[in-house]
Amino acid sequence: MGNVGYNMKSNLKYILEMVEGDQQPQLTKEEKSEFVQSLKNFSAMSESVYGKGDLKEITQRVRNIIERAEMVVNENADWFDKVSMNRHLKELNSSYKTFESTAQEMSQLQERLSIAYEDIGQQLNKYFDVD
């Protein structure tokens, strides 16, 4: 019978450890306060998520600058070495193509990011008062 008591004691200890292990750790008052504050500031993050500038507009403005630069360079072709000038304009246009395609990709990703952000806000708003 002495063996049974030992086993029962260790079994109870094992069960207690299992039950305690399944529980989520409790938040401190400070952690709860930080959580409430982060919910209040949730909408403030939208500026970063949605972006402050319109990438399409910026891309068009850069394109206009490049086009004007090409016109100015071509008007003053006698002032520049034609070989260097053509090489630089080719590099400029190549850089613009990279800029344009990257801006387009960023715009698509930003749209996906915005949708996910809104979904998160809607889900949180089901349980908490999200600003």
N, C-alpha and C. Protein backbone atom coordinates (compact mmCIF):
# COMPACT_ATOMS: atom_id res chain seq x y z
N MET A 1 0.80 -1.19 0.00
CA MET A 1 0.00 0.00 0.00
C MET A 1 0.85 1.26 0.00
N GLY A 2 2.05 1.17 0.53
CA GLY A 2 2.94 2.32 0.53
C GLY A 2 3.28 2.75 -0.88
N ASN A 3 3.36 1.82 -1.77
CA ASN A 3 3.63 2.11 -3.17
C ASN A 3 2.48 2.88 -3.83
N VAL A 4 1.25 2.55 -3.46
CA VAL A 4 0.08 3.19 -4.05
C VAL A 4 0.07 4.66 -3.71
N GLY A 5 0.36 5.02 -2.45
CA GLY A 5 0.39 6.42 -2.02
C GLY A 5 1.41 7.22 -2.81
N TYR A 6 2.55 6.63 -3.04
CA TYR A 6 3.61 7.31 -3.79
C TYR A 6 3.15 7.56 -5.23
N ASN A 7 2.59 6.52 -5.83
CA ASN A 7 2.11 6.66 -7.21
C ASN A 7 0.99 7.68 -7.31
N MET A 8 0.08 7.67 -6.33
CA MET A 8 -1.03 8.61 -6.35
C MET A 8 -0.51 10.03 -6.24
N LYS A 9 0.47 10.21 -5.36
CA LYS A 9 1.06 11.54 -5.17
C LYS A 9 1.73 12.02 -6.45
N SER A 10 2.50 11.16 -7.10
CA SER A 10 3.17 11.55 -8.33
C SER A 10 2.17 11.73 -9.47
N ASN A 11 1.10 10.92 -9.48
CA ASN A 11 0.06 11.07 -10.50
C ASN A 11 -0.66 12.41 -10.35
N LEU A 12 -0.97 12.79 -9.10
CA LEU A 12 -1.61 14.08 -8.86
C LEU A 12 -0.70 15.23 -9.27
N LYS A 13 0.57 15.07 -8.95
CA LYS A 13 1.54 16.10 -9.34
C LYS A 13 1.61 16.20 -10.87
N TYR A 14 1.61 15.07 -11.54
CA TYR A 14 1.64 15.04 -13.01
C TYR A 14 0.38 15.70 -13.59
N ILE A 15 -0.78 15.37 -13.05
CA ILE A 15 -2.04 15.95 -13.52
C ILE A 15 -2.04 17.46 -13.29
N LEU A 16 -1.58 17.89 -12.13
CA LEU A 16 -1.52 19.32 -11.83
C LEU A 16 -0.60 20.04 -12.81
N GLU A 17 0.55 19.45 -13.11
CA GLU A 17 1.47 20.05 -14.08
C GLU A 17 0.83 20.14 -15.47
N MET A 18 0.08 19.10 -15.85
CA MET A 18 -0.58 19.11 -17.15
C MET A 18 -1.63 20.21 -17.21
N VAL A 19 -2.41 20.35 -16.15
CA VAL A 19 -3.46 21.37 -16.12
C VAL A 19 -2.85 22.76 -16.13
N GLU A 20 -1.82 22.96 -15.32
CA GLU A 20 -1.16 24.27 -15.29
C GLU A 20 -0.47 24.58 -16.60
N GLY A 21 0.05 23.56 -17.26
CA GLY A 21 0.74 23.76 -18.53
C GLY A 21 -0.21 24.15 -19.64
N ASP A 22 -1.48 23.76 -19.55
CA ASP A 22 -2.47 24.09 -20.57
C ASP A 22 -2.98 25.52 -20.44
N GLN A 23 -2.80 26.13 -19.30
CA GLN A 23 -3.32 27.47 -19.09
C GLN A 23 -2.40 28.51 -19.73
N GLN A 24 -3.04 29.55 -20.26
CA GLN A 24 -2.29 30.67 -20.82
C GLN A 24 -1.73 31.51 -19.68
N PRO A 25 -0.53 32.05 -19.85
CA PRO A 25 0.01 32.91 -18.80
C PRO A 25 -0.85 34.17 -18.66
N GLN A 26 -1.02 34.62 -17.44
CA GLN A 26 -1.84 35.80 -17.16
C GLN A 26 -1.04 37.07 -17.47
N LEU A 27 -1.74 38.07 -17.97
CA LEU A 27 -1.11 39.36 -18.26
C LEU A 27 -1.04 40.19 -16.99
N THR A 28 0.04 40.95 -16.88
CA THR A 28 0.15 41.87 -15.76
C THR A 28 -0.72 43.09 -16.04
N LYS A 29 -0.94 43.92 -15.03
CA LYS A 29 -1.72 45.15 -15.22
C LYS A 29 -1.05 46.05 -16.25
N GLU A 30 0.26 46.10 -16.21
CA GLU A 30 1.01 46.93 -17.16
C GLU A 30 0.83 46.43 -18.59
N GLU A 31 0.89 45.11 -18.77
CA GLU A 31 0.69 44.53 -20.09
C GLU A 31 -0.73 44.77 -20.60
N LYS A 32 -1.71 44.67 -19.71
CA LYS A 32 -3.10 44.95 -20.10
C LYS A 32 -3.26 46.41 -20.49
N SER A 33 -2.64 47.30 -19.74
CA SER A 33 -2.71 48.73 -20.03
C SER A 33 -2.06 49.04 -21.39
N GLU A 34 -0.93 48.42 -21.65
CA GLU A 34 -0.25 48.60 -22.95
C GLU A 34 -1.13 48.08 -24.09
N PHE A 35 -1.83 46.97 -23.86
CA PHE A 35 -2.72 46.41 -24.86
C PHE A 35 -3.87 47.36 -25.17
N VAL A 36 -4.48 47.91 -24.13
CA VAL A 36 -5.59 48.86 -24.32
C VAL A 36 -5.09 50.09 -25.08
N GLN A 37 -3.91 50.57 -24.73
CA GLN A 37 -3.33 51.73 -25.42
C GLN A 37 -3.06 51.41 -26.88
N SER A 38 -2.58 50.21 -27.16
CA SER A 38 -2.30 49.84 -28.56
C SER A 38 -3.59 49.74 -29.36
N LEU A 39 -4.69 49.33 -28.74
CA LEU A 39 -5.99 49.31 -29.42
C LEU A 39 -6.45 50.73 -29.74
N LYS A 40 -6.21 51.64 -28.80
CA LYS A 40 -6.59 53.04 -29.02
C LYS A 40 -5.78 53.67 -30.16
N ASN A 41 -4.56 53.21 -30.34
CA ASN A 41 -3.69 53.77 -31.38
C ASN A 41 -3.69 52.96 -32.67
N PHE A 42 -4.58 51.99 -32.77
CA PHE A 42 -4.59 51.11 -33.95
C PHE A 42 -4.77 51.90 -35.24
N SER A 43 -5.70 52.84 -35.24
CA SER A 43 -5.96 53.59 -36.47
C SER A 43 -4.80 54.52 -36.83
N ALA A 44 -3.99 54.90 -35.86
CA ALA A 44 -2.85 55.77 -36.15
C ALA A 44 -1.81 55.06 -37.03
N MET A 45 -1.81 53.75 -36.98
CA MET A 45 -0.87 53.00 -37.82
C MET A 45 -1.28 53.02 -39.29
N SER A 46 -2.52 53.42 -39.56
CA SER A 46 -3.01 53.37 -40.94
C SER A 46 -2.20 54.26 -41.87
N GLU A 47 -1.63 55.36 -41.37
CA GLU A 47 -0.81 56.22 -42.23
C GLU A 47 0.34 55.43 -42.84
N SER A 48 0.96 54.60 -42.05
CA SER A 48 2.07 53.79 -42.55
C SER A 48 1.57 52.69 -43.48
N VAL A 49 0.43 52.10 -43.12
CA VAL A 49 -0.11 51.00 -43.92
C VAL A 49 -0.57 51.49 -45.28
N TYR A 50 -1.31 52.59 -45.29
CA TYR A 50 -1.87 53.09 -46.54
C TYR A 50 -0.87 53.92 -47.34
N GLY A 51 0.20 54.33 -46.73
CA GLY A 51 1.19 55.13 -47.43
C GLY A 51 0.72 56.56 -47.52
N LYS A 52 1.65 57.47 -47.48
CA LYS A 52 1.29 58.89 -47.51
C LYS A 52 1.23 59.44 -48.93
N GLY A 53 1.95 58.86 -49.84
CA GLY A 53 1.97 59.39 -51.20
C GLY A 53 1.39 58.40 -52.19
N ASP A 54 0.97 58.90 -53.30
CA ASP A 54 0.43 58.07 -54.37
C ASP A 54 1.60 57.67 -55.27
N LEU A 55 1.92 56.40 -55.28
CA LEU A 55 3.07 55.92 -56.05
C LEU A 55 2.90 56.14 -57.55
N LYS A 56 1.67 56.03 -58.03
CA LYS A 56 1.43 56.26 -59.47
C LYS A 56 1.74 57.70 -59.83
N GLU A 57 1.32 58.62 -58.97
CA GLU A 57 1.58 60.03 -59.22
C GLU A 57 3.08 60.33 -59.19
N ILE A 58 3.75 59.77 -58.21
CA ILE A 58 5.20 59.99 -58.10
C ILE A 58 5.92 59.42 -59.31
N THR A 59 5.49 58.24 -59.74
CA THR A 59 6.11 57.61 -60.92
C THR A 59 5.94 58.51 -62.14
N GLN A 60 4.74 59.06 -62.32
CA GLN A 60 4.49 59.95 -63.46
C GLN A 60 5.33 61.22 -63.36
N ARG A 61 5.47 61.75 -62.16
CA ARG A 61 6.28 62.96 -61.98
C ARG A 61 7.75 62.69 -62.32
N VAL A 62 8.25 61.53 -61.89
CA VAL A 62 9.64 61.18 -62.22
C VAL A 62 9.78 61.01 -63.73
N ARG A 63 8.80 60.36 -64.37
CA ARG A 63 8.83 60.17 -65.83
C ARG A 63 8.88 61.53 -66.54
N ASN A 64 8.07 62.49 -66.08
CA ASN A 64 8.08 63.83 -66.68
C ASN A 64 9.44 64.51 -66.51
N ILE A 65 10.06 64.35 -65.38
CA ILE A 65 11.38 64.93 -65.15
C ILE A 65 12.40 64.33 -66.12
N ILE A 66 12.34 63.03 -66.29
CA ILE A 66 13.28 62.36 -67.21
C ILE A 66 13.05 62.82 -68.64
N GLU A 67 11.80 62.91 -69.05
CA GLU A 67 11.50 63.37 -70.41
C GLU A 67 12.01 64.79 -70.64
N ARG A 68 11.81 65.67 -69.66
CA ARG A 68 12.30 67.04 -69.79
C ARG A 68 13.83 67.07 -69.81
N ALA A 69 14.45 66.23 -69.00
CA ALA A 69 15.91 66.17 -68.98
C ALA A 69 16.44 65.75 -70.35
N GLU A 70 15.78 64.76 -70.97
CA GLU A 70 16.20 64.33 -72.31
C GLU A 70 16.06 65.46 -73.31
N MET A 71 14.97 66.24 -73.22
CA MET A 71 14.77 67.37 -74.14
C MET A 71 15.86 68.41 -73.97
N VAL A 72 16.18 68.73 -72.71
CA VAL A 72 17.21 69.74 -72.45
C VAL A 72 18.56 69.27 -72.97
N VAL A 73 18.87 68.01 -72.72
CA VAL A 73 20.15 67.47 -73.17
C VAL A 73 20.21 67.46 -74.69
N ASN A 74 19.12 67.05 -75.34
CA ASN A 74 19.10 67.01 -76.80
C ASN A 74 19.15 68.40 -77.41
N GLU A 75 18.55 69.40 -76.78
CA GLU A 75 18.62 70.78 -77.28
C GLU A 75 20.04 71.31 -77.24
N ASN A 76 20.77 70.87 -76.25
CA ASN A 76 22.14 71.36 -76.06
C ASN A 76 23.17 70.28 -76.41
N ALA A 77 22.85 69.50 -77.44
CA ALA A 77 23.70 68.37 -77.80
C ALA A 77 25.11 68.79 -78.15
N ASP A 78 25.27 69.96 -78.69
CA ASP A 78 26.63 70.38 -79.06
C ASP A 78 27.48 70.65 -77.82
N TRP A 79 26.86 70.84 -76.68
CA TRP A 79 27.61 71.08 -75.46
C TRP A 79 28.07 69.79 -74.80
N PHE A 80 27.50 68.71 -75.17
CA PHE A 80 27.82 67.46 -74.52
C PHE A 80 28.48 66.49 -75.48
N ASP A 81 29.24 65.63 -74.92
CA ASP A 81 29.80 64.53 -75.70
C ASP A 81 28.65 63.57 -76.01
N LYS A 82 28.35 63.38 -77.30
CA LYS A 82 27.19 62.58 -77.71
C LYS A 82 27.24 61.15 -77.18
N VAL A 83 28.41 60.54 -77.19
CA VAL A 83 28.51 59.15 -76.74
C VAL A 83 28.17 59.05 -75.24
N SER A 84 28.78 59.91 -74.46
CA SER A 84 28.51 59.91 -73.01
C SER A 84 27.05 60.26 -72.74
N MET A 85 26.54 61.25 -73.47
CA MET A 85 25.17 61.68 -73.29
C MET A 85 24.19 60.53 -73.56
N ASN A 86 24.36 59.84 -74.63
CA ASN A 86 23.47 58.72 -74.97
C ASN A 86 23.57 57.59 -73.94
N ARG A 87 24.78 57.33 -73.47
CA ARG A 87 24.97 56.29 -72.45
C ARG A 87 24.26 56.67 -71.16
N HIS A 88 24.41 57.94 -70.75
CA HIS A 88 23.77 58.40 -69.52
C HIS A 88 22.25 58.39 -69.64
N LEU A 89 21.73 58.79 -70.80
CA LEU A 89 20.28 58.76 -70.98
C LEU A 89 19.75 57.33 -70.99
N LYS A 90 20.53 56.42 -71.56
CA LYS A 90 20.13 55.01 -71.56
C LYS A 90 20.09 54.48 -70.13
N GLU A 91 21.10 54.81 -69.33
CA GLU A 91 21.13 54.39 -67.92
C GLU A 91 19.98 55.02 -67.14
N LEU A 92 19.69 56.28 -67.44
CA LEU A 92 18.59 56.98 -66.78
C LEU A 92 17.26 56.29 -67.07
N ASN A 93 17.02 55.94 -68.31
CA ASN A 93 15.78 55.26 -68.69
C ASN A 93 15.71 53.86 -68.11
N SER A 94 16.84 53.19 -68.03
CA SER A 94 16.89 51.85 -67.43
C SER A 94 16.54 51.94 -65.94
N SER A 95 17.09 52.94 -65.27
CA SER A 95 16.79 53.14 -63.85
C SER A 95 15.32 53.48 -63.66
N TYR A 96 14.77 54.25 -64.59
CA TYR A 96 13.36 54.59 -64.49
C TYR A 96 12.49 53.35 -64.65
N LYS A 97 12.83 52.47 -65.57
CA LYS A 97 12.05 51.24 -65.75
C LYS A 97 12.04 50.42 -64.47
N THR A 98 13.18 50.33 -63.81
CA THR A 98 13.27 49.62 -62.53
C THR A 98 12.40 50.33 -61.49
N PHE A 99 12.50 51.65 -61.46
CA PHE A 99 11.71 52.46 -60.52
C PHE A 99 10.21 52.24 -60.76
N GLU A 100 9.80 52.28 -62.01
CA GLU A 100 8.39 52.14 -62.36
C GLU A 100 7.84 50.76 -62.00
N SER A 101 8.60 49.72 -62.33
CA SER A 101 8.12 48.37 -62.02
C SER A 101 8.09 48.12 -60.51
N THR A 102 9.07 48.65 -59.80
CA THR A 102 9.09 48.50 -58.34
C THR A 102 7.93 49.26 -57.70
N ALA A 103 7.65 50.45 -58.20
CA ALA A 103 6.52 51.24 -57.68
C ALA A 103 5.21 50.50 -57.92
N GLN A 104 5.08 49.86 -59.07
CA GLN A 104 3.87 49.11 -59.37
C GLN A 104 3.74 47.91 -58.42
N GLU A 105 4.84 47.20 -58.20
CA GLU A 105 4.82 46.08 -57.26
C GLU A 105 4.47 46.55 -55.85
N MET A 106 5.08 47.68 -55.44
CA MET A 106 4.82 48.22 -54.11
C MET A 106 3.35 48.62 -53.97
N SER A 107 2.79 49.17 -55.03
CA SER A 107 1.39 49.57 -55.01
C SER A 107 0.50 48.36 -54.81
N GLN A 108 0.79 47.28 -55.50
CA GLN A 108 0.01 46.05 -55.35
C GLN A 108 0.17 45.48 -53.95
N LEU A 109 1.40 45.46 -53.46
CA LEU A 109 1.64 44.95 -52.10
C LEU A 109 0.99 45.83 -51.05
N GLN A 110 1.03 47.14 -51.28
CA GLN A 110 0.42 48.06 -50.33
C GLN A 110 -1.10 47.86 -50.30
N GLU A 111 -1.68 47.56 -51.44
CA GLU A 111 -3.12 47.28 -51.49
C GLU A 111 -3.44 46.02 -50.69
N ARG A 112 -2.64 44.99 -50.86
CA ARG A 112 -2.83 43.75 -50.09
C ARG A 112 -2.64 44.01 -48.61
N LEU A 113 -1.63 44.81 -48.27
CA LEU A 113 -1.35 45.15 -46.88
C LEU A 113 -2.54 45.91 -46.28
N SER A 114 -3.10 46.83 -47.03
CA SER A 114 -4.25 47.61 -46.57
C SER A 114 -5.45 46.72 -46.29
N ILE A 115 -5.70 45.78 -47.18
CA ILE A 115 -6.84 44.87 -47.01
C ILE A 115 -6.64 44.01 -45.76
N ALA A 116 -5.43 43.48 -45.58
CA ALA A 116 -5.14 42.67 -44.39
C ALA A 116 -5.29 43.49 -43.12
N TYR A 117 -4.82 44.73 -43.15
CA TYR A 117 -4.91 45.63 -42.00
C TYR A 117 -6.38 45.88 -41.64
N GLU A 118 -7.21 46.14 -42.64
CA GLU A 118 -8.64 46.36 -42.40
C GLU A 118 -9.29 45.10 -41.83
N ASP A 119 -8.92 43.94 -42.35
CA ASP A 119 -9.46 42.68 -41.83
C ASP A 119 -9.09 42.50 -40.36
N ILE A 120 -7.84 42.80 -40.02
CA ILE A 120 -7.39 42.69 -38.63
C ILE A 120 -8.21 43.63 -37.74
N GLY A 121 -8.40 44.86 -38.20
CA GLY A 121 -9.19 45.82 -37.44
C GLY A 121 -10.62 45.36 -37.23
N GLN A 122 -11.23 44.80 -38.27
CA GLN A 122 -12.60 44.31 -38.15
C GLN A 122 -12.69 43.14 -37.17
N GLN A 123 -11.73 42.23 -37.24
CA GLN A 123 -11.73 41.08 -36.32
C GLN A 123 -11.51 41.53 -34.88
N LEU A 124 -10.57 42.45 -34.66
CA LEU A 124 -10.33 42.96 -33.30
C LEU A 124 -11.55 43.70 -32.77
N ASN A 125 -12.23 44.41 -33.67
CA ASN A 125 -13.39 45.20 -33.27
C ASN A 125 -14.56 44.33 -32.82
N LYS A 126 -14.55 43.07 -33.15
CA LYS A 126 -15.60 42.16 -32.68
C LYS A 126 -15.51 41.95 -31.17
N TYR A 127 -14.31 42.07 -30.62
CA TYR A 127 -14.09 41.78 -29.20
C TYR A 127 -13.65 43.00 -28.38
N PHE A 128 -13.07 43.99 -29.06
CA PHE A 128 -12.50 45.13 -28.36
C PHE A 128 -12.96 46.42 -29.04
N ASP A 129 -12.87 47.53 -28.32
CA ASP A 129 -13.17 48.83 -28.88
C ASP A 129 -11.92 49.36 -29.55
N VAL A 130 -11.84 49.19 -30.85
CA VAL A 130 -10.65 49.61 -31.61
C VAL A 130 -10.93 50.96 -32.23
N ASP A 131 -10.02 51.90 -32.00
CA ASP A 131 -10.14 53.23 -32.62
C ASP A 131 -9.49 53.27 -33.96
